[in-house]
Amino acid sequence: MIGMLEKTDELKTVKLQKDTWILEVPAEICQKEGFAEGTLVSLTFKDSGIQTSYIHPTEKAQKSAERFVGKYGDFMKEMEEIDD
């Protein structure tokens, strides 16, 4: 039997390229599986199936993201509010 998790936000597509989707793994799943938050998963259609692989965040990528959010975070929040 498949267990049900708490309702989460929709999956966030980070990138779409030809037959591959890069999706952000929800925080609840990262926590449950012991992955770092920000872990991504790639889904690629190949040979009548789907191949998957995890993309774990590197320390360099995390620091870069923190700098980006620090620099543009307020602007991003304002844009989200305008979108609502």
Protein backbone atom coordinates (compact mmCIF):
# COMPACT_ATOMS: atom_id res chain seq x y z
CA MET A 1 0.00 0.00 0.00
CA ILE A 2 1.27 3.47 -0.86
CA GLY A 3 1.46 5.84 2.09
CA MET A 4 0.11 9.34 1.66
CA LEU A 5 2.23 12.37 2.47
CA GLU A 6 0.92 15.71 3.60
CA LYS A 7 -0.34 17.85 0.74
CA THR A 8 2.58 19.71 -0.79
CA ASP A 9 2.89 22.48 -3.33
CA GLU A 10 3.05 21.51 -6.96
CA LEU A 11 6.33 20.17 -8.28
CA LYS A 12 8.55 22.94 -9.49
CA THR A 13 10.02 22.45 -12.95
CA VAL A 14 13.46 23.99 -12.95
CA LYS A 15 14.34 23.27 -16.57
CA LEU A 16 12.84 21.54 -19.60
CA GLN A 17 15.09 20.51 -22.47
CA LYS A 18 13.96 18.22 -25.28
CA ASP A 19 13.04 14.97 -23.54
CA THR A 20 14.39 15.80 -20.06
CA TRP A 21 12.69 17.55 -17.16
CA ILE A 22 14.62 18.85 -14.15
CA LEU A 23 12.36 19.00 -11.10
CA GLU A 24 12.94 20.28 -7.59
CA VAL A 25 12.47 17.55 -4.99
CA PRO A 26 9.92 18.78 -2.40
CA ALA A 27 11.39 19.67 1.01
CA GLU A 28 9.29 16.97 2.72
CA ILE A 29 10.80 14.28 0.49
CA CYS A 30 14.34 15.63 0.97
CA GLN A 31 13.86 15.51 4.72
CA LYS A 32 12.36 12.01 4.63
CA GLU A 33 15.12 10.62 2.38
CA GLY A 34 17.99 12.51 4.03
CA PHE A 35 18.76 14.66 0.98
CA ALA A 36 19.90 18.27 1.21
CA GLU A 37 17.18 20.80 0.50
CA GLY A 38 17.50 22.00 -3.05
CA THR A 39 18.11 18.52 -4.44
CA LEU A 40 16.87 18.17 -8.01
CA VAL A 41 15.81 15.11 -10.00
CA SER A 42 16.12 14.69 -13.76
CA LEU A 43 13.57 12.63 -15.66
CA THR A 44 14.55 11.61 -19.19
CA PHE A 45 12.40 9.67 -21.64
CA LYS A 46 14.64 7.03 -23.25
CA ASP A 47 14.08 3.61 -24.82
CA SER A 48 10.35 3.55 -23.98
CA GLY A 49 11.04 4.28 -20.32
CA ILE A 50 12.09 7.00 -17.93
CA GLN A 51 15.62 7.30 -16.58
CA THR A 52 16.12 9.28 -13.40
CA SER A 53 19.03 10.71 -11.49
CA TYR A 54 19.39 12.98 -8.49
CA ILE A 55 21.34 16.21 -8.71
CA HIS A 56 22.57 17.11 -5.24
CA PRO A 57 23.44 20.74 -4.54
CA THR A 58 27.11 21.52 -4.18
CA GLU A 59 28.47 23.89 -1.57
CA LYS A 60 29.51 26.29 -4.35
CA ALA A 61 25.99 26.25 -5.83
CA GLN A 62 24.42 26.79 -2.41
CA LYS A 63 26.64 29.81 -1.72
CA SER A 64 25.86 31.20 -5.17
CA ALA A 65 22.12 30.79 -4.55
CA GLU A 66 22.41 32.50 -1.16
CA ARG A 67 24.20 35.46 -2.78
CA PHE A 68 21.53 35.65 -5.50
CA VAL A 69 18.66 35.56 -2.99
CA GLY A 70 20.47 38.11 -0.81
CA LYS A 71 20.82 40.44 -3.78
CA TYR A 72 17.45 39.89 -5.50
CA GLY A 73 15.27 38.31 -2.78
CA ASP A 74 13.22 41.44 -2.05
CA PHE A 75 12.58 41.99 -5.75
CA MET A 76 11.48 38.36 -6.17
CA LYS A 77 9.04 38.68 -3.23
CA GLU A 78 7.58 41.87 -4.72
CA MET A 79 7.08 40.12 -8.08
CA GLU A 80 5.31 37.20 -6.35
CA GLU A 81 2.99 39.65 -4.57
CA ILE A 82 2.18 41.38 -7.85
CA ASP A 83 1.45 37.99 -9.44
CA ASP A 84 -1.06 37.09 -6.67
